Amino acid sequence: MFIQITNIFVGIMIILIPFMLLFVLVKKIFVKRQGKRKFGT
């Protein structure tokens, strides 16, 4: 039972980590763009 729970947790982590990295990357790009424009949409 314990092994199954850890396997599910590892699976979730493997799925979530790339999404988190992508989110951080997009956030950095967005901040850079906003910095250049000085919030002028």
Protein backbone atom coordinates (compact mmCIF):
# COMPACT_ATOMS: atom_id res chain seq x y z
CA MET A 1 0.00 0.00 0.00
CA PHE A 2 2.76 2.44 0.98
CA ILE A 3 4.66 1.69 -2.26
CA GLN A 4 1.55 2.51 -4.34
CA ILE A 5 1.15 5.89 -2.61
CA THR A 6 4.81 6.81 -3.22
CA ASN A 7 4.52 5.75 -6.88
CA ILE A 8 1.48 8.01 -7.35
CA PHE A 9 3.32 10.89 -5.61
CA VAL A 10 6.39 10.43 -7.83
CA GLY A 11 4.14 10.37 -10.90
CA ILE A 12 2.46 13.62 -9.86
CA MET A 13 5.86 15.25 -9.23
CA ILE A 14 7.17 14.16 -12.66
CA ILE A 15 4.06 15.70 -14.28
CA LEU A 16 4.08 18.91 -12.21
CA ILE A 17 7.79 19.85 -12.29
CA PRO A 18 7.89 20.65 -16.07
CA PHE A 19 4.71 22.75 -15.71
CA MET A 20 6.25 24.65 -12.79
CA LEU A 21 9.46 25.30 -14.76
CA LEU A 22 7.42 26.46 -17.77
CA PHE A 23 5.37 28.78 -15.51
CA VAL A 24 8.56 30.32 -14.04
CA LEU A 25 10.01 30.79 -17.54
CA VAL A 26 6.83 32.45 -18.87
CA LYS A 27 6.70 34.66 -15.77
CA LYS A 28 10.31 35.80 -16.35
CA ILE A 29 9.60 36.62 -20.02
CA PHE A 30 6.39 38.47 -19.04
CA VAL A 31 8.24 40.54 -16.41
CA LYS A 32 10.98 41.40 -18.93
CA ARG A 33 8.40 42.56 -21.50
CA GLN A 34 6.56 44.65 -18.90
CA GLY A 35 9.86 46.18 -17.78
CA LYS A 36 10.69 47.28 -21.34
CA ARG A 37 7.23 48.75 -21.96
CA LYS A 38 6.97 50.30 -18.48
CA PHE A 39 3.41 48.95 -18.10
CA GLY A 40 2.20 50.70 -21.28
CA THR A 41 -0.29 48.34 -22.92
